[in-house]
Amino acid sequence: MRSVDTLTQFCLTVQFTVLNVFFVREFAARLQSAPVIATAVNPGFCLTSLGRNNRMSLLGQLNRKIYSLAFGRTAEAGSREILWAAIGAPHRERDLHGRYVTEMEVREESEFAVSREGYEMQRRIWVGITCFVLRSMETNFSRGNRMKPRRY
């Protein structure tokens, strides 16, 4: 186990959120005629036991506790966000397509995300992820391996 400080976790969360928004927007652009709605959903900071094995300094533990008390929500409340984005906005499906949803509202992305540089980064991320996935599939199939379902 490695020690993870609260600031590092926060920075990784922000980076993942931006990556999620970029990926969903590009995916949605490719699904214009499909009867599928792609939405980037933020369930918020849910109080679960997912980080229970992260070792933190005493200061990190204190920061996490304060952050949890100030911003934490139950896993049930976080799941409501996901359900709302999936089925809770009747007749607004196209308003949700390719958008960022938090607190059961469609929110505007950051200034960087809607800038020319943001859209260029979005395209590069899409190309990078799809190339990575296709290469790994090609390697798997060229070895004669079939993708096997994982057993948990």
Protein backbone atom coordinates (compact mmCIF):
# COMPACT_ATOMS: atom_id res chain seq x y z
CA MET A 1 0.00 0.00 0.00
CA ARG A 2 1.21 3.47 -0.71
CA SER A 3 0.43 6.73 0.97
CA VAL A 4 -1.89 9.02 -0.97
CA ASP A 5 -2.40 12.56 0.19
CA THR A 6 -5.69 14.39 -0.10
CA LEU A 7 -4.41 17.03 -2.53
CA THR A 8 -3.18 14.32 -4.92
CA GLN A 9 -6.56 12.58 -4.76
CA PHE A 10 -8.33 15.87 -5.47
CA CYS A 11 -6.07 16.64 -8.48
CA LEU A 12 -6.61 13.15 -9.90
CA THR A 13 -10.38 13.54 -9.47
CA VAL A 14 -10.38 16.86 -11.37
CA GLN A 15 -8.24 15.39 -14.16
CA PHE A 16 -10.50 12.35 -14.43
CA THR A 17 -13.59 14.58 -14.59
CA VAL A 18 -12.14 16.58 -17.49
CA LEU A 19 -11.10 13.36 -19.25
CA ASN A 20 -14.63 12.01 -18.76
CA VAL A 21 -16.23 15.17 -20.21
CA PHE A 22 -13.92 15.12 -23.24
CA PHE A 23 -14.47 11.42 -23.90
CA VAL A 24 -18.27 11.63 -23.57
CA ARG A 25 -18.53 14.70 -25.81
CA GLU A 26 -16.50 13.04 -28.56
CA PHE A 27 -18.42 9.76 -28.15
CA ALA A 28 -21.74 11.64 -28.31
CA ALA A 29 -20.65 13.37 -31.53
CA ARG A 30 -20.24 9.93 -33.08
CA LEU A 31 -23.68 8.80 -31.88
CA GLN A 32 -25.80 11.58 -33.37
CA SER A 33 -28.16 9.26 -35.24
CA ALA A 34 -28.14 6.42 -32.69
CA PRO A 35 -30.93 6.08 -30.11
CA VAL A 36 -28.34 6.29 -27.31
CA ILE A 37 -27.67 9.22 -25.00
CA ALA A 38 -24.08 9.64 -23.77
CA THR A 39 -23.79 11.82 -20.67
CA ALA A 40 -20.88 12.65 -18.33
CA VAL A 41 -22.33 12.30 -14.84
CA ASN A 42 -20.81 13.55 -11.60
CA PRO A 43 -22.30 11.59 -8.69
CA GLY A 44 -20.41 13.78 -6.23
CA PHE A 45 -18.16 12.76 -3.36
CA CYS A 46 -19.88 9.63 -2.06
CA LEU A 47 -19.08 8.31 1.38
CA THR A 48 -18.18 4.70 0.69
CA SER A 49 -15.42 2.39 1.85
CA LEU A 50 -13.59 2.45 -1.51
CA GLY A 51 -10.59 4.31 -0.09
CA ARG A 52 -10.36 2.33 3.13
CA ASN A 53 -6.98 0.81 2.21
CA ASN A 54 -5.32 4.14 1.37
CA ARG A 55 -2.69 4.93 3.94
CA MET A 56 -2.55 8.59 4.83
CA SER A 57 -0.63 10.74 7.24
CA LEU A 58 -2.48 12.03 10.27
CA LEU A 59 -2.90 15.39 8.51
CA GLY A 60 -4.24 13.63 5.41
CA GLN A 61 -6.75 11.70 7.52
CA LEU A 62 -7.89 14.93 9.17
CA ASN A 63 -8.26 16.67 5.79
CA ARG A 64 -10.27 13.73 4.43
CA LYS A 65 -12.54 13.74 7.49
CA ILE A 66 -13.23 17.48 7.18
CA TYR A 67 -13.81 17.15 3.41
CA SER A 68 -16.16 14.21 4.03
CA LEU A 69 -18.18 16.16 6.58
CA ALA A 70 -18.37 19.24 4.36
CA PHE A 71 -19.01 17.68 0.94
CA GLY A 72 -19.76 13.99 1.42
CA ARG A 73 -23.03 12.42 0.43
CA THR A 74 -24.38 8.92 0.72
CA ALA A 75 -23.87 6.40 -2.05
CA GLU A 76 -27.66 6.44 -2.48
CA ALA A 77 -27.64 10.18 -3.14
CA GLY A 78 -24.82 9.71 -5.67
CA SER A 79 -26.77 6.97 -7.41
CA ARG A 80 -29.73 9.32 -7.81
CA GLU A 81 -27.51 11.56 -9.95
CA ILE A 82 -26.72 8.65 -12.24
CA LEU A 83 -30.36 7.55 -12.45
CA TRP A 84 -31.54 11.10 -13.17
CA ALA A 85 -29.09 11.36 -16.07
CA ALA A 86 -30.23 7.96 -17.36
CA ILE A 87 -34.02 8.17 -17.00
CA GLY A 88 -35.06 11.15 -14.91
CA ALA A 89 -35.24 13.86 -17.52
CA PRO A 90 -38.07 12.87 -19.85
CA HIS A 91 -38.28 14.80 -23.12
CA ARG A 92 -34.83 16.30 -22.45
CA GLU A 93 -32.77 13.47 -23.86
CA ARG A 94 -31.12 15.61 -26.53
CA ASP A 95 -30.34 18.31 -23.95
CA LEU A 96 -28.34 15.71 -22.02
CA HIS A 97 -26.52 14.22 -25.02
CA GLY A 98 -22.78 14.83 -24.70
CA ARG A 99 -23.22 17.13 -21.72
CA TYR A 100 -21.91 17.28 -18.15
CA VAL A 101 -24.52 16.61 -15.45
CA THR A 102 -24.12 17.36 -11.75
CA GLU A 103 -26.70 17.97 -9.03
CA MET A 104 -29.42 16.84 -11.45
CA GLU A 105 -28.71 19.72 -13.81
CA VAL A 106 -26.89 20.11 -17.09
CA ARG A 107 -23.90 22.33 -16.35
CA GLU A 108 -21.61 24.26 -18.63
CA GLU A 109 -18.13 22.83 -18.93
CA SER A 110 -15.06 24.84 -17.91
CA GLU A 111 -13.70 27.64 -20.09
CA PHE A 112 -10.83 25.40 -21.16
CA ALA A 113 -13.19 22.56 -22.10
CA VAL A 114 -15.17 24.77 -24.48
CA SER A 115 -12.12 26.53 -25.93
CA ARG A 116 -10.41 25.65 -29.21
CA GLU A 117 -7.56 24.07 -27.21
CA GLY A 118 -10.07 22.05 -25.21
CA TYR A 119 -11.70 20.62 -28.33
CA GLU A 120 -8.27 19.79 -29.77
CA MET A 121 -7.35 18.02 -26.52
CA GLN A 122 -10.70 16.19 -26.67
CA ARG A 123 -9.92 14.91 -30.17
CA ARG A 124 -6.41 13.80 -29.16
CA ILE A 125 -7.74 11.98 -26.09
CA TRP A 126 -10.33 10.19 -28.23
CA VAL A 127 -7.71 9.12 -30.79
CA GLY A 128 -5.33 8.03 -28.04
CA ILE A 129 -7.90 5.96 -26.17
CA THR A 130 -9.36 4.31 -29.26
CA CYS A 131 -5.88 3.52 -30.64
CA PHE A 132 -4.88 2.00 -27.30
CA VAL A 133 -8.01 -0.17 -27.16
CA LEU A 134 -7.70 -1.28 -30.79
CA ARG A 135 -4.00 -2.10 -30.40
CA SER A 136 -4.64 -4.17 -27.28
CA MET A 137 -7.46 -6.04 -29.05
CA GLU A 138 -5.27 -6.61 -32.10
CA THR A 139 -2.45 -7.96 -29.92
CA ASN A 140 -4.88 -10.23 -28.11
CA PHE A 141 -6.42 -11.64 -31.29
CA SER A 142 -3.12 -11.97 -33.17
CA ARG A 143 -1.90 -14.28 -30.41
CA GLY A 144 -4.97 -16.43 -30.94
CA ASN A 145 -6.43 -15.42 -27.58
CA ARG A 146 -10.10 -14.83 -27.18
CA MET A 147 -11.39 -12.33 -24.73
CA LYS A 148 -12.57 -14.30 -21.74
CA PRO A 149 -15.02 -12.94 -19.20
CA ARG A 150 -13.53 -12.31 -15.77
CA ARG A 151 -14.81 -14.27 -12.85
CA TYR A 152 -15.13 -12.38 -9.60
